PDB file of N, CA and C in Angstrom:
ATOM      1  N   MET A   1      15.794  13.655  -0.481  1.00  0.00           N
ATOM      2  CA  MET A   1      15.140  12.496  -1.063  1.00  0.00           C
ATOM      3  C   MET A   1      13.988  12.998  -1.932  1.00  0.00           C
ATOM      4  N   PRO A   2      13.913  12.553  -3.181  1.00  0.00           N
ATOM      5  CA  PRO A   2      12.801  12.996  -4.019  1.00  0.00           C
ATOM      6  C   PRO A   2      11.485  12.397  -3.544  1.00  0.00           C
ATOM      7  N   THR A   3      10.435  13.172  -3.703  1.00  0.00           N
ATOM      8  CA  THR A   3       9.121  12.733  -3.251  1.00  0.00           C
ATOM      9  C   THR A   3       8.628  11.533  -4.037  1.00  0.00           C
ATOM     10  N   TRP A   4       8.963  11.438  -5.287  1.00  0.00           N
ATOM     11  CA  TRP A   4       8.407  10.392  -6.134  1.00  0.00           C
ATOM     12  C   TRP A   4       9.077   9.041  -5.959  1.00  0.00           C
ATOM     13  N   GLY A   5      10.274   8.977  -5.407  1.00  0.00           N
ATOM     14  CA  GLY A   5      11.003   7.710  -5.281  1.00  0.00           C
ATOM     15  C   GLY A   5      10.274   6.645  -4.474  1.00  0.00           C
ATOM     16  N   PRO A   6       9.985   6.901  -3.203  1.00  0.00           N
ATOM     17  CA  PRO A   6       9.261   5.897  -2.417  1.00  0.00           C
ATOM     18  C   PRO A   6       7.840   5.648  -2.922  1.00  0.00           C
ATOM     19  N   VAL A   7       7.222   6.667  -3.499  1.00  0.00           N
ATOM     20  CA  VAL A   7       5.847   6.509  -3.995  1.00  0.00           C
ATOM     21  C   VAL A   7       5.829   5.575  -5.203  1.00  0.00           C
ATOM     22  N   VAL A   8       6.755   5.760  -6.107  1.00  0.00           N
ATOM     23  CA  VAL A   8       6.842   4.869  -7.277  1.00  0.00           C
ATOM     24  C   VAL A   8       7.171   3.446  -6.836  1.00  0.00           C
ATOM     25  N   ALA A   9       8.077   3.324  -5.875  1.00  0.00           N
ATOM     26  CA  ALA A   9       8.419   1.995  -5.363  1.00  0.00           C
ATOM     27  C   ALA A   9       7.212   1.329  -4.711  1.00  0.00           C
ATOM     28  N   ALA A  10       6.438   2.097  -3.948  1.00  0.00           N
ATOM     29  CA  ALA A  10       5.238   1.550  -3.299  1.00  0.00           C
ATOM     30  C   ALA A  10       4.182   1.170  -4.323  1.00  0.00           C
ATOM     31  N   PHE A  11       4.139   1.882  -5.428  1.00  0.00           N
ATOM     32  CA  PHE A  11       3.181   1.559  -6.485  1.00  0.00           C
ATOM     33  C   PHE A  11       3.581   0.289  -7.221  1.00  0.00           C
ATOM     34  N   LEU A  12       4.866   0.119  -7.471  1.00  0.00           N
ATOM     35  CA  LEU A  12       5.331  -1.043  -8.221  1.00  0.00           C
ATOM     36  C   LEU A  12       5.402  -2.310  -7.379  1.00  0.00           C
ATOM     37  N   VAL A  13       5.916  -2.182  -6.160  1.00  0.00           N
ATOM     38  CA  VAL A  13       6.052  -3.336  -5.264  1.00  0.00           C
ATOM     39  C   VAL A  13       5.400  -2.962  -3.934  1.00  0.00           C
ATOM     40  N   PRO A  14       4.245  -3.527  -3.626  1.00  0.00           N
ATOM     41  CA  PRO A  14       3.556  -3.161  -2.386  1.00  0.00           C
ATOM     42  C   PRO A  14       4.437  -3.345  -1.154  1.00  0.00           C
ATOM     43  N   GLY A  15       4.466  -2.326  -0.309  1.00  0.00           N
ATOM     44  CA  GLY A  15       5.235  -2.371   0.921  1.00  0.00           C
ATOM     45  C   GLY A  15       6.648  -1.833   0.808  1.00  0.00           C
ATOM     46  N   SER A  16       7.166  -1.696  -0.396  1.00  0.00           N
ATOM     47  CA  SER A  16       8.555  -1.269  -0.547  1.00  0.00           C
ATOM     48  C   SER A  16       8.761   0.207  -0.223  1.00  0.00           C
ATOM     49  N   GLY A  17       7.749   1.011  -0.385  1.00  0.00           N
ATOM     50  CA  GLY A  17       7.873   2.424  -0.036  1.00  0.00           C
ATOM     51  C   GLY A  17       8.129   2.618   1.443  1.00  0.00           C
ATOM     52  N   TYR A  18       7.500   1.790   2.263  1.00  0.00           N
ATOM     53  CA  TYR A  18       7.732   1.851   3.700  1.00  0.00           C
ATOM     54  C   TYR A  18       9.157   1.431   4.045  1.00  0.00           C
ATOM     55  N   VAL A  19       9.693   0.458   3.325  1.00  0.00           N
ATOM     56  CA  VAL A  19      11.070   0.016   3.572  1.00  0.00           C
ATOM     57  C   VAL A  19      12.035   1.155   3.252  1.00  0.00           C
ATOM     58  N   ILE A  20      11.792   1.866   2.160  1.00  0.00           N
ATOM     59  CA  ILE A  20      12.645   2.992   1.795  1.00  0.00           C
ATOM     60  C   ILE A  20      12.566   4.086   2.853  1.00  0.00           C
ATOM     61  N   LEU A  21      11.391   4.256   3.458  1.00  0.00           N
ATOM     62  CA  LEU A  21      11.207   5.266   4.501  1.00  0.00           C
ATOM     63  C   LEU A  21      11.594   4.755   5.887  1.00  0.00           C
ATOM     64  N   ALA A  22      12.261   3.612   5.957  1.00  0.00           N
ATOM     65  CA  ALA A  22      12.743   2.999   7.200  1.00  0.00           C
ATOM     66  C   ALA A  22      11.605   2.615   8.139  1.00  0.00           C
ATOM     67  N   ARG A  23      10.507   2.112   7.567  1.00  0.00           N
ATOM     68  CA  ARG A  23       9.382   1.611   8.355  1.00  0.00           C
ATOM     69  C   ARG A  23       8.956   0.240   7.834  1.00  0.00           C
ATOM     70  N   PRO A  24       9.849  -0.750   7.885  1.00  0.00           N
ATOM     71  CA  PRO A  24       9.540  -2.047   7.268  1.00  0.00           C
ATOM     72  C   PRO A  24       8.390  -2.796   7.939  1.00  0.00           C
ATOM     73  N   MET A  25       8.204  -2.631   9.233  1.00  0.00           N
ATOM     74  CA  MET A  25       7.093  -3.320   9.903  1.00  0.00           C
ATOM     75  C   MET A  25       5.753  -2.800   9.416  1.00  0.00           C
ATOM     76  N   ARG A  26       5.670  -1.514   9.153  1.00  0.00           N
ATOM     77  CA  ARG A  26       4.428  -0.942   8.617  1.00  0.00           C
ATOM     78  C   ARG A  26       4.148  -1.527   7.227  1.00  0.00           C
ATOM     79  N   GLY A  27       5.178  -1.684   6.432  1.00  0.00           N
ATOM     80  CA  GLY A  27       5.013  -2.295   5.115  1.00  0.00           C
ATOM     81  C   GLY A  27       4.542  -3.738   5.219  1.00  0.00           C
ATOM     82  N   LEU A  28       5.081  -4.475   6.172  1.00  0.00           N
ATOM     83  CA  LEU A  28       4.668  -5.863   6.368  1.00  0.00           C
ATOM     84  C   LEU A  28       3.214  -5.947   6.821  1.00  0.00           C
ATOM     85  N   VAL A  29       2.804  -5.037   7.687  1.00  0.00           N
ATOM     86  CA  VAL A  29       1.416  -5.003   8.145  1.00  0.00           C
ATOM     87  C   VAL A  29       0.478  -4.701   6.979  1.00  0.00           C
ATOM     88  N   MET A  30       0.853  -3.760   6.126  1.00  0.00           N
ATOM     89  CA  MET A  30       0.008  -3.423   4.982  1.00  0.00           C
ATOM     90  C   MET A  30      -0.093  -4.596   4.010  1.00  0.00           C
ATOM     91  N   ILE A  31       1.002  -5.313   3.793  1.00  0.00           N
ATOM     92  CA  ILE A  31       0.953  -6.490   2.922  1.00  0.00           C
ATOM     93  C   ILE A  31       0.042  -7.555   3.523  1.00  0.00           C
ATOM     94  N   PHE A  32       0.111  -7.728   4.837  1.00  0.00           N
ATOM     95  CA  PHE A  32      -0.767  -8.673   5.521  1.00  0.00           C
ATOM     96  C   PHE A  32      -2.233  -8.325   5.271  1.00  0.00           C
ATOM     97  N   TRP A  33      -2.596  -7.051   5.457  1.00  0.00           N
ATOM     98  CA  TRP A  33      -3.993  -6.642   5.261  1.00  0.00           C
ATOM     99  C   TRP A  33      -4.412  -6.716   3.792  1.00  0.00           C
ATOM    100  N   MET A  34      -3.478  -6.470   2.880  1.00  0.00           N
ATOM    101  CA  MET A  34      -3.785  -6.635   1.454  1.00  0.00           C
ATOM    102  C   MET A  34      -4.172  -8.076   1.165  1.00  0.00           C
ATOM    103  N   CYS A  35      -3.409  -8.997   1.713  1.00  0.00           N
ATOM    104  CA  CYS A  35      -3.700 -10.418   1.497  1.00  0.00           C
ATOM    105  C   CYS A  35      -5.024 -10.818   2.133  1.00  0.00           C
ATOM    106  N   ILE A  36      -5.262 -10.367   3.343  1.00  0.00           N
ATOM    107  CA  ILE A  36      -6.505 -10.725   4.037  1.00  0.00           C
ATOM    108  C   ILE A  36      -7.720 -10.192   3.297  1.00  0.00           C
ATOM    109  N   PHE A  37      -7.729  -8.898   2.970  1.00  0.00           N
ATOM    110  CA  PHE A  37      -8.894  -8.317   2.306  1.00  0.00           C
ATOM    111  C   PHE A  37      -9.029  -8.806   0.867  1.00  0.00           C
ATOM    112  N   GLY A  38      -7.911  -9.061   0.196  1.00  0.00           N
ATOM    113  CA  GLY A  38      -7.986  -9.657  -1.135  1.00  0.00           C
ATOM    114  C   GLY A  38      -8.606 -11.039  -1.095  1.00  0.00           C
ATOM    115  N   TYR A  39      -8.230 -11.832  -0.099  1.00  0.00           N
ATOM    116  CA  TYR A  39      -8.801 -13.171   0.051  1.00  0.00           C
ATOM    117  C   TYR A  39     -10.296 -13.100   0.375  1.00  0.00           C
ATOM    118  N   ILE A  40     -10.670 -12.196   1.261  1.00  0.00           N
ATOM    119  CA  ILE A  40     -12.089 -12.070   1.646  1.00  0.00           C
ATOM    120  C   ILE A  40     -12.938 -11.687   0.444  1.00  0.00           C
ATOM    121  N   THR A  41     -12.508 -10.661  -0.301  1.00  0.00           N
ATOM    122  CA  THR A  41     -13.316 -10.250  -1.451  1.00  0.00           C
ATOM    123  C   THR A  41     -13.296 -11.307  -2.556  1.00  0.00           C
ATOM    124  N   PHE A  42     -12.200 -12.030  -2.689  1.00  0.00           N
ATOM    125  CA  PHE A  42     -12.160 -13.108  -3.674  1.00  0.00           C
ATOM    126  C   PHE A  42     -13.158 -14.199  -3.327  1.00  0.00           C
ATOM    127  N   ARG A  43     -13.204 -14.563  -2.063  1.00  0.00           N
ATOM    128  CA  ARG A  43     -14.114 -15.641  -1.640  1.00  0.00           C
ATOM    129  C   ARG A  43     -15.584 -15.211  -1.656  1.00  0.00           C
ATOM    130  N   LEU A  44     -15.857 -13.931  -1.423  1.00  0.00           N
ATOM    131  CA  LEU A  44     -17.242 -13.467  -1.360  1.00  0.00           C
ATOM    132  C   LEU A  44     -17.827 -13.097  -2.721  1.00  0.00           C
ATOM    133  N   SER A  45     -16.983 -12.906  -3.726  1.00  0.00           N
ATOM    134  CA  SER A  45     -17.490 -12.511  -5.043  1.00  0.00           C
ATOM    135  C   SER A  45     -17.772 -13.753  -5.892  1.00  0.00           C
ATOM    136  N   SER A  46     -18.630 -13.551  -6.878  1.00  0.00           N
ATOM    137  CA  SER A  46     -18.970 -14.678  -7.751  1.00  0.00           C
ATOM    138  C   SER A  46     -17.950 -14.810  -8.879  1.00  0.00           C
ATOM    139  N   ALA A  47     -18.019 -15.896  -9.595  1.00  0.00           N
ATOM    140  CA  ALA A  47     -17.036 -16.201 -10.631  1.00  0.00           C
ATOM    141  C   ALA A  47     -17.162 -15.296 -11.854  1.00  0.00           C
ATOM    142  N   ASN A  48     -18.297 -14.647 -12.044  1.00  0.00           N
ATOM    143  CA  ASN A  48     -18.476 -13.806 -13.228  1.00  0.00           C
ATOM    144  C   ASN A  48     -17.970 -12.374 -13.016  1.00  0.00           C
ATOM    145  N   ILE A  49     -17.387 -12.076 -11.870  1.00  0.00           N
ATOM    146  CA  ILE A  49     -16.797 -10.765 -11.592  1.00  0.00           C
ATOM    147  C   ILE A  49     -15.365 -10.754 -12.134  1.00  0.00           C
ATOM    148  N   SER A  50     -14.922  -9.595 -12.614  1.00  0.00           N
ATOM    149  CA  SER A  50     -13.562  -9.498 -13.154  1.00  0.00           C
ATOM    150  C   SER A  50     -12.524  -9.755 -12.055  1.00  0.00           C
ATOM    151  N   LEU A  51     -11.295 -10.028 -12.476  1.00  0.00           N
ATOM    152  CA  LEU A  51     -10.220 -10.326 -11.532  1.00  0.00           C
ATOM    153  C   LEU A  51      -9.938  -9.136 -10.618  1.00  0.00           C
ATOM    154  N   ILE A  52      -9.986  -7.935 -11.174  1.00  0.00           N
ATOM    155  CA  ILE A  52      -9.782  -6.729 -10.359  1.00  0.00           C
ATOM    156  C   ILE A  52     -10.891  -6.603  -9.330  1.00  0.00           C
ATOM    157  N   GLY A  53     -12.104  -6.879  -9.724  1.00  0.00           N
ATOM    158  CA  GLY A  53     -13.224  -6.831  -8.791  1.00  0.00           C
ATOM    159  C   GLY A  53     -13.138  -7.884  -7.716  1.00  0.00           C
ATOM    160  N   ARG A  54     -12.623  -9.042  -8.063  1.00  0.00           N
ATOM    161  CA  ARG A  54     -12.518 -10.121  -7.086  1.00  0.00           C
ATOM    162  C   ARG A  54     -11.466  -9.832  -6.028  1.00  0.00           C
ATOM    163  N   PHE A  55     -10.419  -9.094  -6.376  1.00  0.00           N
ATOM    164  CA  PHE A  55      -9.364  -8.749  -5.423  1.00  0.00           C
ATOM    165  C   PHE A  55      -9.458  -7.290  -4.979  1.00  0.00           C
ATOM    166  N   SER A  56     -10.619  -6.683  -5.082  1.00  0.00           N
ATOM    167  CA  SER A  56     -10.764  -5.246  -4.821  1.00  0.00           C
ATOM    168  C   SER A  56     -10.422  -4.854  -3.385  1.00  0.00           C
ATOM    169  N   GLY A  57     -10.621  -5.716  -2.423  1.00  0.00           N
ATOM    170  CA  GLY A  57     -10.256  -5.400  -1.045  1.00  0.00           C
ATOM    171  C   GLY A  57      -8.757  -5.204  -0.890  1.00  0.00           C
ATOM    172  N   GLY A  58      -7.986  -6.091  -1.469  1.00  0.00           N
ATOM    173  CA  GLY A  58      -6.537  -5.963  -1.420  1.00  0.00           C
ATOM    174  C   GLY A  58      -6.035  -4.777  -2.218  1.00  0.00           C
ATOM    175  N   ILE A  59      -6.663  -4.519  -3.350  1.00  0.00           N
ATOM    176  CA  ILE A  59      -6.282  -3.367  -4.172  1.00  0.00           C
ATOM    177  C   ILE A  59      -6.569  -2.072  -3.441  1.00  0.00           C
ATOM    178  N   ALA A  60      -7.674  -2.017  -2.717  1.00  0.00           N
ATOM    179  CA  ALA A  60      -8.009  -0.807  -1.948  1.00  0.00           C
ATOM    180  C   ALA A  60      -6.962  -0.533  -0.872  1.00  0.00           C
ATOM    181  N   VAL A  61      -6.517  -1.554  -0.178  1.00  0.00           N
ATOM    182  CA  VAL A  61      -5.481  -1.375   0.844  1.00  0.00           C
ATOM    183  C   VAL A  61      -4.173  -0.953   0.192  1.00  0.00           C
ATOM    184  N   TRP A  62      -3.868  -1.482  -0.990  1.00  0.00           N
ATOM    185  CA  TRP A  62      -2.656  -1.108  -1.721  1.00  0.00           C
ATOM    186  C   TRP A  62      -2.687   0.378  -2.081  1.00  0.00           C
ATOM    187  N   VAL A  63      -3.836   0.857  -2.570  1.00  0.00           N
ATOM    188  CA  VAL A  63      -3.962   2.279  -2.914  1.00  0.00           C
ATOM    189  C   VAL A  63      -3.799   3.147  -1.669  1.00  0.00           C
ATOM    190  N   ILE A  64      -4.391   2.736  -0.568  1.00  0.00           N
ATOM    191  CA  ILE A  64      -4.261   3.486   0.683  1.00  0.00           C
ATOM    192  C   ILE A  64      -2.801   3.528   1.124  1.00  0.00           C
ATOM    193  N   SER A  65      -2.079   2.422   0.949  1.00  0.00           N
ATOM    194  CA  SER A  65      -0.671   2.410   1.355  1.00  0.00           C
ATOM    195  C   SER A  65       0.167   3.327   0.472  1.00  0.00           C
ATOM    196  N   VAL A  66      -0.131   3.390  -0.829  1.00  0.00           N
ATOM    197  CA  VAL A  66       0.604   4.304  -1.714  1.00  0.00           C
ATOM    198  C   VAL A  66       0.344   5.750  -1.300  1.00  0.00           C
ATOM    199  N   LEU A  67      -0.901   6.063  -0.984  1.00  0.00           N
ATOM    200  CA  LEU A  67      -1.233   7.420  -0.540  1.00  0.00           C
ATOM    201  C   LEU A  67      -0.555   7.759   0.786  1.00  0.00           C
ATOM    202  N   GLU A  68      -0.480   6.782   1.686  1.00  0.00           N
ATOM    203  CA  GLU A  68       0.179   7.028   2.964  1.00  0.00           C
ATOM    204  C   GLU A  68       1.687   7.216   2.791  1.00  0.00           C
ATOM    205  N   VAL A  69       2.301   6.456   1.908  1.00  0.00           N
ATOM    206  CA  VAL A  69       3.731   6.638   1.634  1.00  0.00           C
ATOM    207  C   VAL A  69       3.977   8.033   1.068  1.00  0.00           C
ATOM    208  N   HIS A  70       3.098   8.489   0.199  1.00  0.00           N
ATOM    209  CA  HIS A  70       3.230   9.848  -0.341  1.00  0.00           C
ATOM    210  C   HIS A  70       3.135  10.884   0.773  1.00  0.00           C
ATOM    211  N   GLN A  71       2.182  10.707   1.673  1.00  0.00           N
ATOM    212  CA  GLN A  71       2.023  11.645   2.791  1.00  0.00           C
ATOM    213  C   GLN A  71       3.255  11.618   3.702  1.00  0.00           C
ATOM    214  N   LEU A  72       3.759  10.445   4.027  1.00  0.00           N
ATOM    215  CA  LEU A  72       4.945  10.334   4.887  1.00  0.00           C
ATOM    216  C   LEU A  72       6.173  10.941   4.219  1.00  0.00           C
ATOM    217  N   THR A  73       6.286  10.755   2.914  1.00  0.00           N
ATOM    218  CA  THR A  73       7.420  11.319   2.186  1.00  0.00           C
ATOM    219  C   THR A  73       7.362  12.837   2.190  1.00  0.00           C
ATOM    220  N   ARG A  74       6.179  13.388   1.988  1.00  0.00           N
ATOM    221  CA  ARG A  74       6.035  14.848   2.017  1.00  0.00           C
ATOM    222  C   ARG A  74       6.352  15.400   3.397  1.00  0.00           C
ATOM    223  N   LYS A  75       5.888  14.732   4.448  1.00  0.00           N
ATOM    224  CA  LYS A  75       6.178  15.189   5.808  1.00  0.00           C
ATOM    225  C   LYS A  75       7.669  15.120   6.101  1.00  0.00           C
ATOM    226  N   LYS A  76       8.315  14.047   5.660  1.00  0.00           N
ATOM    227  CA  LYS A  76       9.739  13.904   5.893  1.00  0.00           C
ATOM    228  C   LYS A  76      10.519  14.951   5.114  1.00  0.00           C
ATOM    229  N   ARG A  77      10.064  15.264   3.923  1.00  0.00           N
ATOM    230  CA  ARG A  77      10.738  16.249   3.089  1.00  0.00           C
ATOM    231  C   ARG A  77      10.621  17.655   3.673  1.00  0.00           C
ATOM    232  N   THR A  78       9.471  17.996   4.263  1.00  0.00           N
ATOM    233  CA  THR A  78       9.293  19.333   4.834  1.00  0.00           C
ATOM    234  C   THR A  78       9.860  19.434   6.237  1.00  0.00           C
ATOM    235  N   GLY A  79      10.331  18.320   6.798  1.00  0.00           N
ATOM    236  CA  GLY A  79      10.976  18.367   8.113  1.00  0.00           C
ATOM    237  C   GLY A  79      10.046  18.085   9.272  1.00  0.00           C
ATOM    238  N   GLN A  80       8.803  17.734   8.996  1.00  0.00           N
ATOM    239  CA  GLN A  80       7.881  17.406  10.085  1.00  0.00           C
ATOM    240  C   GLN A  80       8.160  15.971  10.536  1.00  0.00           C
ATOM    241  N   ALA A  81       7.943  15.734  11.807  1.00  0.00           N
ATOM    242  CA  ALA A  81       8.095  14.388  12.347  1.00  0.00           C
ATOM    243  C   ALA A  81       6.863  13.580  11.991  1.00  0.00           C
ATOM    244  N   HIS A  82       7.052  12.330  11.559  1.00  0.00           N
ATOM    245  CA  HIS A  82       5.905  11.483  11.252  1.00  0.00           C
ATOM    246  C   HIS A  82       5.742  10.440  12.354  1.00  0.00           C
ATOM    247  N   ASN A  83       4.494  10.032  12.538  1.00  0.00           N
ATOM    248  CA  ASN A  83       4.167   9.077  13.606  1.00  0.00           C
ATOM    249  C   ASN A  83       4.198   7.686  13.081  1.00  0.00           C
TER     250      ASN A  83
END
């Protein structure tokens, strides 16, 4: 499996990298936290903040999930067991 496949999928569609790696519940949990933190930062920020800034909590969780998919893909590729 190429390393970039699940990572690109996770970047384009949040949570899909986990589905490709056969961990769909983890993807669902990450989408849940993206929505929660995106909503919190949206509600706590003022109207003069950019759209990216208003949803920064959800974007941060999305970036963390892409990085985690990359790490899991590398571990799976080298033959290490992932937790």
